[in-house]
Amino acid sequence: MKSKVIRSIVLAGTFLSGAGAADFDVFGHVGGFFNKGFGDGNKMYDAKDGKTKNADYAGITAQLGLDIGFGNLHIGAAGWGAFPVYGTPKDAFDGRNYAQYMYTTNYADLSDLYVKYDGEIELAVGRFDNEFLKSDWIVGHTQGVAAKWDTKYFGAWATWVNDYSTFGYQPNRFGSELSQFRRYSSSFNNFDIGQRDLFAGGINIDLGFLKIDPFIHYWLGGNYYAGNHSMVQAGTKVALELGSDNGIKSISSARFLWQNILDVNKDDTILFWIDEELRFKDMIKVGAGWYTVGKNNGIYAINDRSRFYGWRYLTGNFSNYYFGTNESSWYAFAGLETKVINFDLLYANGDYNEFSAIVSWNVFQMKDDLGLQIGGGYVSNGFQSKQKQQNNAVIFAKISF
């Protein structure tokens, strides 16, 4: 027993003596989000007093983490939490108000607990932000293993996802990481290996003006649309980039995804999605797109890189999911991207409808990553009838570090 204590002291001393060579990076954020619904489609029954009320909510989210770097090797941990400040109406079935529905009453989670290696091959094990994979559909925090290898013209990636949570975050959508909170399903429970596991991989061909990114996903199990079955998805993204960042640049992309739930008849579905974006001086963007989904099922994904705000920002009883069964829509957009002001304007019409205008202002951004961002705007489900109209005004603010 004594020898074990001595060895532990020696090991700790060795670690501390080398700590001077380590880089310590504290990261995280504190932010608030307020969402006000004021259309007839936003109204819901309030079990508290039996009246019909607009669905409104406000909440606070925060993350605090520490990354310790030893050259290319990183060890990190972080917690992410949320608190529902205000919400109406109150649900008749479980007694939660709308803010508790959006942020849950499970207020905290361990968002990160990882070991990473950042070299020509990037490898992460544990819980981590998997943005480095650059996947179109697996974006957020995942629990498992992920690896990526990159060269100038070619790359490959693979991941095993045992569990996942986006915590509300959607790529390209301002303020989305503040808009809701859902922790990992296995947190404070068990790892549920084999219950919702995802095995995925892909390759990245980059010829400068032409990028081709095929992928395959195999879901071991999960409640998608027809019980606990395995599911296969495969597809690709092809992007053609012409012009330069200093002038006019055209980014034309086409995505294709095929999905099949195993042992379920007539469930195959596809997504075909095209998008054209013109950028001026790498600041102003305008463009349009169109997509269609097969008639047998909607598309199941952890996340996506679309431009739509409605699914997360519109309140009420409607899901507003854009990649649903047998749905097709076109959209047009414009925006501004600078270091200070960012702006998104979008109109979509078809089976999915949306009009949104969101602005984000970086009030300040320090070299040590300390910054303040505030923003807000308006999101609706397009020009619907009065009974179906959903209108939401949102305001958000975030201090990041």
Protein backbone atom coordinates (compact mmCIF):
# COMPACT_ATOMS: atom_id res chain seq x y z
CA MET A 1 0.00 0.00 0.00
CA LYS A 2 2.83 2.35 0.91
CA SER A 3 4.60 1.74 -2.40
CA LYS A 4 1.42 2.56 -4.32
CA VAL A 5 1.12 5.90 -2.51
CA ILE A 6 4.77 6.73 -3.25
CA ARG A 7 4.33 5.86 -6.92
CA SER A 8 1.23 8.08 -7.09
CA ILE A 9 3.10 11.00 -5.56
CA VAL A 10 5.99 10.56 -8.00
CA LEU A 11 3.59 10.35 -10.97
CA ALA A 12 1.73 13.48 -9.86
CA GLY A 13 5.03 15.33 -9.40
CA THR A 14 6.16 14.32 -12.87
CA PHE A 15 2.89 15.55 -14.37
CA LEU A 16 3.06 18.89 -12.55
CA SER A 17 6.69 19.42 -13.49
CA GLY A 18 5.72 19.12 -17.16
CA ALA A 19 2.60 21.26 -16.82
CA GLY A 20 4.58 24.32 -17.82
CA ALA A 21 4.68 22.93 -21.35
CA ALA A 22 0.92 22.53 -21.45
CA ASP A 23 -1.57 24.98 -22.95
CA PHE A 24 -4.69 25.67 -20.91
CA ASP A 25 -7.78 26.93 -22.72
CA VAL A 26 -11.01 27.74 -20.88
CA PHE A 27 -14.00 27.80 -23.23
CA GLY A 28 -17.76 28.17 -23.08
CA HIS A 29 -20.60 30.66 -23.11
CA VAL A 30 -23.47 32.21 -21.14
CA GLY A 31 -26.52 33.22 -23.13
CA GLY A 32 -30.21 33.96 -23.08
CA PHE A 33 -33.00 33.44 -25.63
CA PHE A 34 -36.54 34.88 -25.75
CA ASN A 35 -39.16 33.71 -28.25
CA LYS A 36 -42.57 35.42 -28.57
CA GLY A 37 -45.35 33.78 -30.61
CA PHE A 38 -48.19 35.98 -31.88
CA GLY A 39 -50.04 34.16 -34.68
CA ASP A 40 -53.21 32.10 -34.50
CA GLY A 41 -51.12 29.01 -35.27
CA ASN A 42 -49.00 29.70 -32.17
CA LYS A 43 -51.97 29.32 -29.83
CA MET A 44 -52.16 26.33 -27.49
CA TYR A 45 -54.44 25.19 -24.67
CA ASP A 46 -53.22 26.17 -21.19
CA ALA A 47 -54.00 23.54 -18.56
CA LYS A 48 -53.39 26.05 -15.78
CA ASP A 49 -56.52 28.15 -16.41
CA GLY A 50 -58.21 26.45 -19.39
CA LYS A 51 -57.57 29.36 -21.76
CA THR A 52 -55.94 29.42 -25.20
CA LYS A 53 -52.62 31.28 -25.23
CA ASN A 54 -49.72 32.01 -27.53
CA ALA A 55 -46.70 29.77 -26.99
CA ASP A 56 -43.87 31.92 -25.61
CA TYR A 57 -40.70 31.02 -23.77
CA ALA A 58 -37.37 32.29 -22.46
CA GLY A 59 -34.35 30.42 -21.18
CA ILE A 60 -30.70 30.66 -20.20
CA THR A 61 -27.96 28.27 -21.32
CA ALA A 62 -24.32 28.07 -20.29
CA GLN A 63 -21.24 25.98 -21.01
CA LEU A 64 -17.93 25.86 -19.16
CA GLY A 65 -15.00 23.73 -20.26
CA LEU A 66 -11.24 23.31 -20.02
CA ASP A 67 -8.94 22.02 -22.76
CA ILE A 68 -5.38 21.05 -21.80
CA GLY A 69 -3.03 20.73 -24.76
CA PHE A 70 0.30 18.94 -24.90
CA GLY A 71 1.33 19.73 -28.46
CA ASN A 72 -1.04 17.78 -30.71
CA LEU A 73 -2.58 15.91 -27.77
CA HIS A 74 -5.57 17.45 -25.99
CA ILE A 75 -7.55 16.42 -22.92
CA GLY A 76 -10.76 18.25 -22.17
CA ALA A 77 -13.98 18.35 -20.19
CA ALA A 78 -17.00 20.65 -20.21
CA GLY A 79 -20.47 20.93 -18.78
CA TRP A 80 -23.53 22.40 -20.51
CA GLY A 81 -26.66 23.46 -18.67
CA ALA A 82 -29.93 25.31 -19.18
CA PHE A 83 -32.65 26.90 -17.11
CA PRO A 84 -36.20 27.68 -18.34
CA VAL A 85 -36.92 31.23 -17.14
CA TYR A 86 -40.45 31.79 -18.46
CA GLY A 87 -42.90 29.76 -20.48
CA THR A 88 -46.55 29.60 -21.42
CA PRO A 89 -48.86 27.71 -21.82
CA LYS A 90 -48.77 24.77 -19.41
CA ASP A 91 -49.19 21.30 -20.89
CA ALA A 92 -52.24 19.29 -19.79
CA PHE A 93 -50.47 15.91 -19.92
CA ASP A 94 -47.20 16.35 -18.01
CA GLY A 95 -47.60 19.74 -16.33
CA ARG A 96 -44.60 21.37 -18.04
CA ASN A 97 -44.80 24.90 -19.36
CA TYR A 98 -43.46 25.68 -22.84
CA ALA A 99 -40.02 26.74 -21.58
CA GLN A 100 -39.66 23.46 -19.67
CA TYR A 101 -40.61 21.66 -22.87
CA MET A 102 -37.90 23.49 -24.82
CA TYR A 103 -35.16 23.28 -22.19
CA THR A 104 -36.39 20.24 -20.20
CA THR A 105 -36.19 19.95 -16.42
CA ASN A 106 -32.95 17.93 -16.71
CA TYR A 107 -30.94 21.08 -16.30
CA ALA A 108 -27.33 19.94 -16.80
CA ASP A 109 -25.18 17.58 -18.81
CA LEU A 110 -21.53 16.74 -19.44
CA SER A 111 -21.09 18.02 -22.99
CA ASP A 112 -17.39 17.16 -23.34
CA LEU A 113 -15.06 14.57 -21.86
CA TYR A 114 -12.44 13.71 -24.44
CA VAL A 115 -8.95 12.86 -25.52
CA LYS A 116 -8.06 14.32 -28.94
CA TYR A 117 -5.10 14.14 -31.27
CA ASP A 118 -4.80 16.93 -33.84
CA GLY A 119 -2.27 16.05 -36.50
CA GLU A 120 -2.50 14.97 -40.12
CA ILE A 121 -4.88 12.43 -38.64
CA GLU A 122 -7.43 13.87 -36.21
CA LEU A 123 -8.76 11.45 -33.60
CA ALA A 124 -11.22 12.06 -30.78
CA VAL A 125 -12.49 9.64 -28.12
CA GLY A 126 -15.19 10.35 -25.54
CA ARG A 127 -17.72 13.19 -25.71
CA PHE A 128 -16.78 15.99 -28.08
CA ASP A 129 -17.88 18.48 -30.73
CA ASN A 130 -17.53 16.62 -34.04
CA GLU A 131 -17.47 19.69 -36.29
CA PHE A 132 -14.00 18.68 -37.53
CA LEU A 133 -15.57 15.81 -39.50
CA LYS A 134 -17.29 18.35 -41.80
CA SER A 135 -20.25 15.99 -42.22
CA ASP A 136 -23.51 17.33 -43.66
CA TRP A 137 -25.66 15.21 -41.34
CA ILE A 138 -23.65 14.39 -38.18
CA VAL A 139 -23.15 17.82 -36.65
CA GLY A 140 -23.08 18.47 -32.92
CA HIS A 141 -21.76 16.78 -29.80
CA THR A 142 -21.35 13.02 -30.01
CA GLN A 143 -20.30 10.25 -27.65
CA GLY A 144 -17.98 7.66 -29.18
CA VAL A 145 -14.96 7.76 -31.50
CA ALA A 146 -14.26 9.88 -34.59
CA ALA A 147 -11.27 10.10 -36.92
CA LYS A 148 -10.39 12.15 -39.98
CA TRP A 149 -7.43 12.07 -42.34
CA ASP A 150 -6.77 14.95 -44.71
CA THR A 151 -4.35 15.63 -47.54
CA LYS A 152 -4.41 18.43 -50.12
CA TYR A 153 -6.77 16.66 -52.53
CA PHE A 154 -8.17 13.73 -50.59
CA GLY A 155 -9.53 12.93 -47.15
CA ALA A 156 -11.46 10.24 -45.33
CA TRP A 157 -13.42 10.11 -42.09
CA ALA A 158 -15.13 7.53 -39.90
CA THR A 159 -17.07 7.60 -36.66
CA TRP A 160 -18.87 5.41 -34.17
CA VAL A 161 -21.60 7.39 -32.41
CA ASN A 162 -22.99 5.76 -29.30
CA ASP A 163 -25.09 8.76 -28.30
CA TYR A 164 -25.47 12.39 -29.33
CA SER A 165 -26.96 15.78 -28.52
CA THR A 166 -27.03 19.02 -30.49
CA PHE A 167 -28.12 20.98 -27.37
CA GLY A 168 -30.29 22.90 -29.85
CA TYR A 169 -27.44 23.91 -32.16
CA GLN A 170 -28.05 23.99 -35.92
CA PRO A 171 -25.25 25.01 -38.29
CA ASN A 172 -25.68 28.34 -40.11
CA ARG A 173 -28.58 29.46 -37.90
CA PHE A 174 -27.85 32.42 -35.60
CA GLY A 175 -28.68 31.90 -31.94
CA SER A 176 -29.74 28.27 -32.37
CA GLU A 177 -27.39 26.98 -29.66
CA LEU A 178 -29.37 29.12 -27.18
CA SER A 179 -32.86 28.21 -28.38
CA GLN A 180 -33.31 24.88 -26.56
CA PHE A 181 -31.54 22.17 -24.54
CA ARG A 182 -31.61 18.39 -24.83
CA ARG A 183 -28.97 16.39 -23.02
CA TYR A 184 -27.56 13.01 -24.04
CA SER A 185 -30.10 10.19 -23.64
CA SER A 186 -27.52 8.07 -21.81
CA SER A 187 -26.50 10.76 -19.30
CA PHE A 188 -26.86 9.69 -15.68
CA ASN A 189 -28.40 6.47 -16.97
CA ASN A 190 -26.19 4.03 -18.91
CA PHE A 191 -24.42 3.95 -22.23
CA ASP A 192 -27.20 2.03 -24.02
CA ILE A 193 -24.71 0.44 -26.40
CA GLY A 194 -26.59 -1.03 -29.35
CA GLN A 195 -29.74 1.04 -28.78
CA ARG A 196 -29.09 4.02 -31.08
CA ASP A 197 -25.51 3.49 -32.31
CA LEU A 198 -24.42 4.97 -35.62
CA PHE A 199 -21.49 3.73 -37.72
CA ALA A 200 -20.61 6.19 -40.47
CA GLY A 201 -17.84 7.08 -42.85
CA GLY A 202 -17.06 9.01 -45.98
CA ILE A 203 -14.40 10.39 -48.26
CA ASN A 204 -13.65 13.95 -49.36
CA ILE A 205 -12.29 14.71 -52.81
CA ASP A 206 -11.14 18.32 -53.11
CA LEU A 207 -9.93 19.54 -56.49
CA GLY A 208 -10.30 23.20 -55.57
CA PHE A 209 -13.12 24.11 -57.95
CA LEU A 210 -14.81 20.69 -57.53
CA LYS A 211 -15.61 18.93 -54.25
CA ILE A 212 -17.18 15.46 -54.01
CA ASP A 213 -18.16 14.01 -50.61
CA PRO A 214 -19.81 10.55 -50.64
CA PHE A 215 -20.85 8.97 -47.31
CA ILE A 216 -22.64 6.01 -45.74
CA HIS A 217 -24.49 5.74 -42.40
CA TYR A 218 -25.54 2.53 -40.66
CA TRP A 219 -27.87 2.99 -37.69
CA LEU A 220 -27.78 -0.10 -35.50
CA GLY A 221 -31.13 0.63 -33.90
CA GLY A 222 -33.49 3.41 -32.99
CA ASN A 223 -37.08 4.59 -33.04
CA TYR A 224 -37.18 6.35 -36.40
CA TYR A 225 -40.58 5.89 -38.00
CA ALA A 226 -41.34 2.15 -37.69
CA GLY A 227 -40.04 0.81 -34.40
CA ASN A 228 -36.59 -0.35 -33.37
CA HIS A 229 -35.03 -1.36 -36.70
CA SER A 230 -31.61 -0.86 -38.23
CA MET A 231 -31.36 1.75 -40.97
CA VAL A 232 -28.99 2.47 -43.85
CA GLN A 233 -28.38 5.86 -45.46
CA ALA A 234 -26.01 6.60 -48.33
CA GLY A 235 -25.45 9.61 -50.51
CA THR A 236 -23.12 12.31 -51.69
CA LYS A 237 -22.62 16.04 -52.04
CA VAL A 238 -21.11 17.55 -55.18
CA ALA A 239 -20.12 21.23 -55.13
CA LEU A 240 -18.73 23.36 -57.96
CA GLU A 241 -16.99 26.57 -56.88
CA LEU A 242 -16.10 29.18 -59.54
CA GLY A 243 -14.69 32.67 -59.10
CA SER A 244 -12.72 34.15 -56.21
CA ASP A 245 -13.32 35.44 -52.68
CA ASN A 246 -12.06 38.87 -53.73
CA GLY A 247 -14.69 39.23 -56.46
CA ILE A 248 -17.73 37.18 -57.41
CA LYS A 249 -17.88 33.54 -56.39
CA SER A 250 -20.47 30.95 -57.40
CA ILE A 251 -21.07 27.88 -55.21
CA SER A 252 -23.35 25.33 -56.89
CA SER A 253 -24.14 22.22 -54.84
CA ALA A 254 -26.24 19.12 -55.26
CA ARG A 255 -26.97 16.61 -52.51
CA PHE A 256 -28.46 13.15 -52.77
CA LEU A 257 -29.42 10.85 -49.88
CA TRP A 258 -31.05 7.40 -50.01
CA GLN A 259 -32.56 5.92 -46.82
CA ASN A 260 -33.88 2.44 -46.03
CA ILE A 261 -35.16 1.03 -42.74
CA LEU A 262 -34.27 -2.64 -42.75
CA ASP A 263 -37.05 -5.28 -42.53
CA VAL A 264 -39.74 -2.68 -43.26
CA ASN A 265 -41.58 -2.90 -46.56
CA LYS A 266 -42.01 0.09 -48.87
CA ASP A 267 -40.11 2.51 -46.67
CA ASP A 268 -37.28 3.52 -49.04
CA THR A 269 -37.01 7.26 -49.49
CA ILE A 270 -34.66 9.76 -51.07
CA LEU A 271 -33.69 13.41 -50.71
CA PHE A 272 -32.55 15.38 -53.74
CA TRP A 273 -31.44 18.93 -52.94
CA ILE A 274 -29.81 21.61 -55.08
CA ASP A 275 -28.53 25.01 -53.92
CA GLU A 276 -26.92 27.94 -55.75
CA GLU A 277 -25.14 30.71 -53.84
CA LEU A 278 -23.48 33.82 -55.30
CA ARG A 279 -21.05 35.66 -53.03
CA PHE A 280 -19.75 39.20 -53.58
CA LYS A 281 -16.45 40.15 -51.95
CA ASP A 282 -17.04 37.19 -49.59
CA MET A 283 -19.58 39.37 -47.73
CA ILE A 284 -22.89 39.62 -49.58
CA LYS A 285 -24.69 36.42 -50.55
CA VAL A 286 -27.77 35.76 -52.67
CA GLY A 287 -29.12 32.52 -54.01
CA ALA A 288 -31.86 29.94 -54.30
CA GLY A 289 -32.48 26.24 -53.92
CA TRP A 290 -34.97 23.41 -54.26
CA TYR A 291 -35.41 19.99 -52.66
CA THR A 292 -37.73 17.02 -52.80
CA VAL A 293 -38.25 14.06 -50.43
CA GLY A 294 -39.59 10.62 -51.41
CA LYS A 295 -43.17 9.59 -50.68
CA ASN A 296 -42.45 6.67 -48.30
CA ASN A 297 -40.66 8.40 -45.42
CA GLY A 298 -39.05 11.58 -44.18
CA ILE A 299 -35.30 11.98 -43.67
CA TYR A 300 -33.86 11.12 -40.27
CA ALA A 301 -30.70 13.00 -39.24
CA ILE A 302 -28.80 14.21 -36.19
CA ASN A 303 -28.52 17.60 -37.85
CA ASP A 304 -28.23 19.26 -41.25
CA ARG A 305 -26.65 22.25 -42.96
CA SER A 306 -29.80 23.76 -44.45
CA ARG A 307 -30.79 27.43 -44.19
CA PHE A 308 -34.21 27.08 -42.52
CA TYR A 309 -35.03 28.60 -39.11
CA GLY A 310 -38.66 27.55 -38.74
CA TRP A 311 -38.26 24.05 -37.31
CA ARG A 312 -36.60 25.33 -34.12
CA TYR A 313 -37.91 28.89 -33.92
CA LEU A 314 -41.64 28.54 -34.60
CA THR A 315 -43.75 27.71 -31.53
CA GLY A 316 -47.09 25.91 -31.35
CA ASN A 317 -48.41 22.44 -32.19
CA PHE A 318 -46.88 22.16 -35.68
CA SER A 319 -43.53 20.41 -36.18
CA ASN A 320 -42.41 22.52 -39.20
CA TYR A 321 -39.87 19.87 -40.21
CA TYR A 322 -38.77 20.59 -43.77
CA PHE A 323 -37.47 17.15 -44.86
CA GLY A 324 -40.75 15.36 -44.17
CA THR A 325 -42.46 12.63 -46.22
CA ASN A 326 -43.30 13.52 -49.83
CA GLU A 327 -42.41 17.19 -49.41
CA SER A 328 -40.90 19.53 -51.98
CA SER A 329 -40.11 23.23 -51.64
CA TRP A 330 -38.09 25.97 -53.27
CA TYR A 331 -36.41 28.84 -51.46
CA ALA A 332 -34.56 32.09 -52.12
CA PHE A 333 -32.18 33.80 -49.73
CA ALA A 334 -29.89 36.77 -49.21
CA GLY A 335 -27.52 37.76 -46.48
CA LEU A 336 -24.52 39.64 -45.19
CA GLU A 337 -21.47 38.14 -43.48
CA THR A 338 -18.88 40.39 -41.81
CA LYS A 339 -16.86 40.30 -38.60
CA VAL A 340 -19.38 42.68 -37.01
CA ILE A 341 -22.81 42.26 -38.61
CA ASN A 342 -24.39 39.09 -40.00
CA PHE A 343 -27.84 38.91 -41.57
CA ASP A 344 -30.02 36.12 -42.99
CA LEU A 345 -33.12 36.65 -45.12
CA LEU A 346 -35.02 33.66 -46.53
CA TYR A 347 -38.32 32.85 -48.21
CA ALA A 348 -39.44 29.25 -48.83
CA ASN A 349 -42.58 28.07 -50.59
CA GLY A 350 -44.10 24.68 -51.31
CA ASP A 351 -44.92 21.89 -48.87
CA TYR A 352 -42.65 23.67 -46.40
CA ASN A 353 -43.12 27.44 -46.00
CA GLU A 354 -41.00 30.01 -44.25
CA PHE A 355 -40.19 33.69 -44.16
CA SER A 356 -37.32 34.61 -41.84
CA ALA A 357 -35.13 37.64 -41.19
CA ILE A 358 -32.46 37.26 -38.49
CA VAL A 359 -29.60 39.63 -37.64
CA SER A 360 -26.58 38.94 -35.42
CA TRP A 361 -24.26 41.69 -34.14
CA ASN A 362 -20.81 40.90 -32.76
CA VAL A 363 -20.59 43.78 -30.29
CA PHE A 364 -16.95 42.97 -29.55
CA GLN A 365 -14.55 40.10 -30.04
CA MET A 366 -11.24 40.00 -28.14
CA LYS A 367 -8.13 38.12 -29.25
CA ASP A 368 -8.52 35.77 -26.28
CA ASP A 369 -11.93 34.67 -27.70
CA LEU A 370 -13.95 36.76 -25.23
CA GLY A 371 -16.87 38.20 -27.14
CA LEU A 372 -20.43 39.49 -26.93
CA GLN A 373 -23.05 38.68 -29.55
CA ILE A 374 -26.62 39.96 -29.61
CA GLY A 375 -29.29 39.41 -32.21
CA GLY A 376 -32.87 38.71 -33.07
CA GLY A 377 -35.46 38.87 -35.77
CA TYR A 378 -38.68 37.45 -37.17
CA VAL A 379 -39.65 33.97 -38.34
CA SER A 380 -42.98 32.86 -39.82
CA ASN A 381 -44.39 29.87 -41.69
CA GLY A 382 -44.86 31.97 -44.82
CA PHE A 383 -48.10 33.50 -45.97
CA GLN A 384 -50.60 31.01 -44.60
CA SER A 385 -54.27 31.43 -43.76
CA LYS A 386 -54.99 33.29 -40.52
CA GLN A 387 -55.83 30.05 -38.68
CA LYS A 388 -52.52 28.42 -39.65
CA GLN A 389 -50.29 31.49 -39.40
CA GLN A 390 -47.31 31.14 -37.06
CA ASN A 391 -45.30 34.28 -36.30
CA ASN A 392 -42.40 34.46 -33.88
CA ALA A 393 -40.13 37.28 -32.76
CA VAL A 394 -36.85 36.19 -31.20
CA ILE A 395 -34.12 37.98 -29.22
CA PHE A 396 -30.86 36.44 -28.04
CA ALA A 397 -27.57 37.44 -26.42
CA LYS A 398 -24.42 35.45 -25.71
CA ILE A 399 -21.11 36.05 -23.99
CA SER A 400 -18.55 33.54 -25.28
CA PHE A 401 -15.03 32.86 -24.05
